[in-house]
Amino acid sequence: MNIKVYKCSNEELRNEIRVLSTRALEYMFRNRKKILSKVYITIKIDNEETNREKAYGLCSWTDQMHNPKRFSIILNDRVSKKVFKQTLLHELVHVKQYLLNELKDCYNGNVKWKKKVYEDTQSYYEYIDLPWEKQAFSISEKLYQKLCT
């Protein structure tokens, strides 16, 4: 697993991000650590982009649509330390979902979760009710309790 942190001038925060990301992924893949050997994640602090997307964090694959191994996480650091860590963990759950092929992006903009295809939604209330988001919120909260408290 290779984790790079960009656009973060605070060395202590960069270190925290790398350590928390590594611990979270190792925990989520504790029975399948081999999967992580080919994973490459770039994590960038970009408040403008997250504000434009009206999000604290974003996650996307950067190599191939099917079976991706390279990911980009973009975070907003103008939030509390707790929210920042929860957001990082939430986005790392999306990495897990992509790696396990639970979550797949479709060419037409739709999203496939496990065996069901969902249309892209612009509504926040529809978005937080999507199954992969529910799972990401649930797992990230458990990870936060385990790794950060």
C-alpha atoms as a PDB file:
ATOM      1  CA  MET A   1       0.000   0.000   0.000  1.00  0.00           C
ATOM      2  CA  ASN A   2       1.311   3.392  -0.957  1.00  0.00           C
ATOM      3  CA  ILE A   3      -0.242   6.545   0.492  1.00  0.00           C
ATOM      4  CA  LYS A   4       0.876  10.018  -0.584  1.00  0.00           C
ATOM      5  CA  VAL A   5      -0.420  13.232   0.964  1.00  0.00           C
ATOM      6  CA  TYR A   6      -0.362  16.436  -1.099  1.00  0.00           C
ATOM      7  CA  LYS A   7      -1.113  20.112  -0.526  1.00  0.00           C
ATOM      8  CA  CYS A   8      -0.766  19.746   3.223  1.00  0.00           C
ATOM      9  CA  SER A   9       1.863  22.079   4.641  1.00  0.00           C
ATOM     10  CA  ASN A  10       1.435  20.764   8.187  1.00  0.00           C
ATOM     11  CA  GLU A  11       3.880  17.867   8.551  1.00  0.00           C
ATOM     12  CA  GLU A  12       2.151  16.577  11.691  1.00  0.00           C
ATOM     13  CA  LEU A  13      -1.196  16.449   9.885  1.00  0.00           C
ATOM     14  CA  ARG A  14       0.393  14.710   6.864  1.00  0.00           C
ATOM     15  CA  ASN A  15       1.769  12.065   9.201  1.00  0.00           C
ATOM     16  CA  GLU A  16      -1.563  11.667  10.988  1.00  0.00           C
ATOM     17  CA  ILE A  17      -3.335  11.194   7.656  1.00  0.00           C
ATOM     18  CA  ARG A  18      -0.873   8.507   6.534  1.00  0.00           C
ATOM     19  CA  VAL A  19      -0.966   6.653   9.862  1.00  0.00           C
ATOM     20  CA  LEU A  20      -4.762   6.751  10.220  1.00  0.00           C
ATOM     21  CA  SER A  21      -5.255   5.708   6.580  1.00  0.00           C
ATOM     22  CA  THR A  22      -2.851   2.792   6.943  1.00  0.00           C
ATOM     23  CA  ARG A  23      -4.402   1.614  10.214  1.00  0.00           C
ATOM     24  CA  ALA A  24      -7.947   1.896   8.844  1.00  0.00           C
ATOM     25  CA  LEU A  25      -7.213   0.003   5.634  1.00  0.00           C
ATOM     26  CA  GLU A  26      -5.252  -2.682   7.456  1.00  0.00           C
ATOM     27  CA  TYR A  27      -8.162  -3.085   9.852  1.00  0.00           C
ATOM     28  CA  MET A  28     -10.770  -3.282   7.089  1.00  0.00           C
ATOM     29  CA  PHE A  29      -8.615  -5.796   5.171  1.00  0.00           C
ATOM     30  CA  ARG A  30      -7.243  -7.678   8.177  1.00  0.00           C
ATOM     31  CA  ASN A  31      -8.215 -11.010   6.600  1.00  0.00           C
ATOM     32  CA  ARG A  32      -7.191 -10.006   3.070  1.00  0.00           C
ATOM     33  CA  LYS A  33      -4.072  -7.862   3.406  1.00  0.00           C
ATOM     34  CA  LYS A  34      -2.690  -9.075   0.067  1.00  0.00           C
ATOM     35  CA  ILE A  35      -5.265  -6.864  -1.694  1.00  0.00           C
ATOM     36  CA  LEU A  36      -3.548  -3.785  -0.247  1.00  0.00           C
ATOM     37  CA  SER A  37      -0.125  -4.586  -1.720  1.00  0.00           C
ATOM     38  CA  LYS A  38      -1.021  -3.008  -5.091  1.00  0.00           C
ATOM     39  CA  VAL A  39      -3.107  -0.092  -3.795  1.00  0.00           C
ATOM     40  CA  TYR A  40      -1.962   3.476  -4.400  1.00  0.00           C
ATOM     41  CA  ILE A  41      -3.835   6.348  -2.744  1.00  0.00           C
ATOM     42  CA  THR A  42      -3.209  10.058  -3.113  1.00  0.00           C
ATOM     43  CA  ILE A  43      -4.775  12.256  -0.483  1.00  0.00           C
ATOM     44  CA  LYS A  44      -4.977  15.968  -1.161  1.00  0.00           C
ATOM     45  CA  ILE A  45      -6.212  18.894   0.888  1.00  0.00           C
ATOM     46  CA  ASP A  46      -8.268  21.059  -1.459  1.00  0.00           C
ATOM     47  CA  ASN A  47     -10.880  23.236   0.232  1.00  0.00           C
ATOM     48  CA  GLU A  48     -11.909  24.910  -3.026  1.00  0.00           C
ATOM     49  CA  GLU A  49     -12.779  21.640  -4.738  1.00  0.00           C
ATOM     50  CA  THR A  50     -14.624  20.205  -1.734  1.00  0.00           C
ATOM     51  CA  ASN A  51     -16.547  23.468  -1.305  1.00  0.00           C
ATOM     52  CA  ARG A  52     -17.456  23.454  -5.006  1.00  0.00           C
ATOM     53  CA  GLU A  53     -18.793  19.900  -4.589  1.00  0.00           C
ATOM     54  CA  LYS A  54     -20.461  20.826  -1.283  1.00  0.00           C
ATOM     55  CA  ALA A  55     -18.610  18.017   0.503  1.00  0.00           C
ATOM     56  CA  TYR A  56     -16.042  17.546   3.244  1.00  0.00           C
ATOM     57  CA  GLY A  57     -14.386  14.786   1.233  1.00  0.00           C
ATOM     58  CA  LEU A  58     -14.378  13.073  -2.143  1.00  0.00           C
ATOM     59  CA  CYS A  59     -13.116   9.698  -3.322  1.00  0.00           C
ATOM     60  CA  SER A  60     -12.564   8.468  -6.853  1.00  0.00           C
ATOM     61  CA  TRP A  61     -10.579   5.827  -8.661  1.00  0.00           C
ATOM     62  CA  THR A  62      -7.880   7.162 -10.979  1.00  0.00           C
ATOM     63  CA  ASP A  63      -6.829   4.207 -13.085  1.00  0.00           C
ATOM     64  CA  GLN A  64      -9.484   1.868 -14.465  1.00  0.00           C
ATOM     65  CA  MET A  65     -13.198   1.644 -13.950  1.00  0.00           C
ATOM     66  CA  HIS A  66     -13.206  -2.086 -13.246  1.00  0.00           C
ATOM     67  CA  ASN A  67     -10.959  -3.411 -10.474  1.00  0.00           C
ATOM     68  CA  PRO A  68      -9.302  -0.081  -9.706  1.00  0.00           C
ATOM     69  CA  LYS A  69      -6.151   0.000  -7.579  1.00  0.00           C
ATOM     70  CA  ARG A  70      -5.373   3.739  -7.694  1.00  0.00           C
ATOM     71  CA  PHE A  71      -7.489   6.231  -5.800  1.00  0.00           C
ATOM     72  CA  SER A  72      -7.688   9.918  -5.078  1.00  0.00           C
ATOM     73  CA  ILE A  73      -9.151  11.297  -1.877  1.00  0.00           C
ATOM     74  CA  ILE A  74      -9.710  15.033  -1.554  1.00  0.00           C
ATOM     75  CA  LEU A  75     -10.371  16.509   1.875  1.00  0.00           C
ATOM     76  CA  ASN A  76     -11.401  19.830   3.353  1.00  0.00           C
ATOM     77  CA  ASP A  77      -9.271  20.742   6.372  1.00  0.00           C
ATOM     78  CA  ARG A  78     -11.442  23.675   7.471  1.00  0.00           C
ATOM     79  CA  VAL A  79     -13.497  21.452   9.733  1.00  0.00           C
ATOM     80  CA  SER A  80     -12.969  20.193  13.267  1.00  0.00           C
ATOM     81  CA  LYS A  81     -10.293  17.561  13.809  1.00  0.00           C
ATOM     82  CA  LYS A  82     -13.005  14.997  14.592  1.00  0.00           C
ATOM     83  CA  VAL A  83     -14.971  15.725  11.397  1.00  0.00           C
ATOM     84  CA  PHE A  84     -11.733  15.680   9.390  1.00  0.00           C
ATOM     85  CA  LYS A  85     -10.838  12.202  10.669  1.00  0.00           C
ATOM     86  CA  GLN A  86     -14.392  10.912  10.235  1.00  0.00           C
ATOM     87  CA  THR A  87     -14.396  12.206   6.662  1.00  0.00           C
ATOM     88  CA  LEU A  88     -11.044  10.568   5.876  1.00  0.00           C
ATOM     89  CA  LEU A  89     -12.311   7.273   7.275  1.00  0.00           C
ATOM     90  CA  HIS A  90     -15.570   7.620   5.307  1.00  0.00           C
ATOM     91  CA  GLU A  91     -13.653   8.095   2.048  1.00  0.00           C
ATOM     92  CA  LEU A  92     -11.398   5.131   2.878  1.00  0.00           C
ATOM     93  CA  VAL A  93     -14.520   2.971   3.227  1.00  0.00           C
ATOM     94  CA  HIS A  94     -15.319   3.947  -0.379  1.00  0.00           C
ATOM     95  CA  VAL A  95     -11.821   2.738  -1.341  1.00  0.00           C
ATOM     96  CA  LYS A  96     -12.675  -0.576   0.339  1.00  0.00           C
ATOM     97  CA  GLN A  97     -15.979  -0.732  -1.536  1.00  0.00           C
ATOM     98  CA  TYR A  98     -14.237  -0.214  -4.879  1.00  0.00           C
ATOM     99  CA  LEU A  99     -11.468  -2.706  -4.074  1.00  0.00           C
ATOM    100  CA  LEU A 100     -13.992  -5.408  -3.182  1.00  0.00           C
ATOM    101  CA  ASN A 101     -16.096  -4.602  -6.275  1.00  0.00           C
ATOM    102  CA  GLU A 102     -19.082  -3.763  -4.106  1.00  0.00           C
ATOM    103  CA  LEU A 103     -19.195  -0.303  -5.679  1.00  0.00           C
ATOM    104  CA  LYS A 104     -18.688   0.264  -9.394  1.00  0.00           C
ATOM    105  CA  ASP A 105     -19.121   3.316 -11.569  1.00  0.00           C
ATOM    106  CA  CYS A 106     -20.939   2.791 -14.852  1.00  0.00           C
ATOM    107  CA  TYR A 107     -20.088   4.445 -18.159  1.00  0.00           C
ATOM    108  CA  ASN A 108     -23.457   6.227 -18.269  1.00  0.00           C
ATOM    109  CA  GLY A 109     -22.912   7.942 -14.896  1.00  0.00           C
ATOM    110  CA  ASN A 110     -24.941   5.465 -12.900  1.00  0.00           C
ATOM    111  CA  VAL A 111     -23.514   3.505  -9.992  1.00  0.00           C
ATOM    112  CA  LYS A 112     -23.685  -0.225  -9.346  1.00  0.00           C
ATOM    113  CA  TRP A 113     -23.843  -1.289  -5.729  1.00  0.00           C
ATOM    114  CA  LYS A 114     -23.395  -5.020  -5.433  1.00  0.00           C
ATOM    115  CA  LYS A 115     -25.911  -6.243  -8.037  1.00  0.00           C
ATOM    116  CA  LYS A 116     -28.227  -3.246  -8.298  1.00  0.00           C
ATOM    117  CA  VAL A 117     -27.758  -0.175 -10.525  1.00  0.00           C
ATOM    118  CA  TYR A 118     -28.642   3.261  -9.146  1.00  0.00           C
ATOM    119  CA  GLU A 119     -29.140   6.423 -11.123  1.00  0.00           C
ATOM    120  CA  ASP A 120     -26.908   9.358 -10.300  1.00  0.00           C
ATOM    121  CA  THR A 121     -28.625  11.699  -7.886  1.00  0.00           C
ATOM    122  CA  GLN A 122     -28.099  15.377  -7.158  1.00  0.00           C
ATOM    123  CA  SER A 123     -30.221  15.524  -4.023  1.00  0.00           C
ATOM    124  CA  TYR A 124     -28.367  15.428  -0.706  1.00  0.00           C
ATOM    125  CA  TYR A 125     -31.228  13.569   0.943  1.00  0.00           C
ATOM    126  CA  GLU A 126     -31.254  10.913  -1.759  1.00  0.00           C
ATOM    127  CA  TYR A 127     -27.444  10.713  -1.614  1.00  0.00           C
ATOM    128  CA  ILE A 128     -27.223   9.986   2.142  1.00  0.00           C
ATOM    129  CA  ASP A 129     -29.858   7.284   1.730  1.00  0.00           C
ATOM    130  CA  LEU A 130     -27.853   5.330  -0.868  1.00  0.00           C
ATOM    131  CA  PRO A 131     -26.675   1.933   0.435  1.00  0.00           C
ATOM    132  CA  TRP A 132     -22.944   2.525  -0.132  1.00  0.00           C
ATOM    133  CA  GLU A 133     -23.183   5.849   1.698  1.00  0.00           C
ATOM    134  CA  LYS A 134     -25.079   4.268   4.577  1.00  0.00           C
ATOM    135  CA  GLN A 135     -22.366   1.621   4.810  1.00  0.00           C
ATOM    136  CA  ALA A 136     -19.592   4.229   4.617  1.00  0.00           C
ATOM    137  CA  PHE A 137     -21.163   6.286   7.410  1.00  0.00           C
ATOM    138  CA  SER A 138     -21.679   3.196   9.573  1.00  0.00           C
ATOM    139  CA  ILE A 139     -18.205   1.688   9.111  1.00  0.00           C
ATOM    140  CA  SER A 140     -16.402   5.034   9.380  1.00  0.00           C
ATOM    141  CA  GLU A 141     -18.129   5.719  12.705  1.00  0.00           C
ATOM    142  CA  LYS A 142     -17.013   2.315  14.022  1.00  0.00           C
ATOM    143  CA  LEU A 143     -13.483   2.931  12.730  1.00  0.00           C
ATOM    144  CA  TYR A 144     -13.423   6.351  14.387  1.00  0.00           C
ATOM    145  CA  GLN A 145     -14.450   4.804  17.718  1.00  0.00           C
ATOM    146  CA  LYS A 146     -11.840   2.052  17.395  1.00  0.00           C
ATOM    147  CA  LEU A 147      -8.915   4.070  16.029  1.00  0.00           C
ATOM    148  CA  CYS A 148      -9.423   7.635  17.254  1.00  0.00           C
ATOM    149  CA  THR A 149     -10.918   7.514  20.739  1.00  0.00           C
END
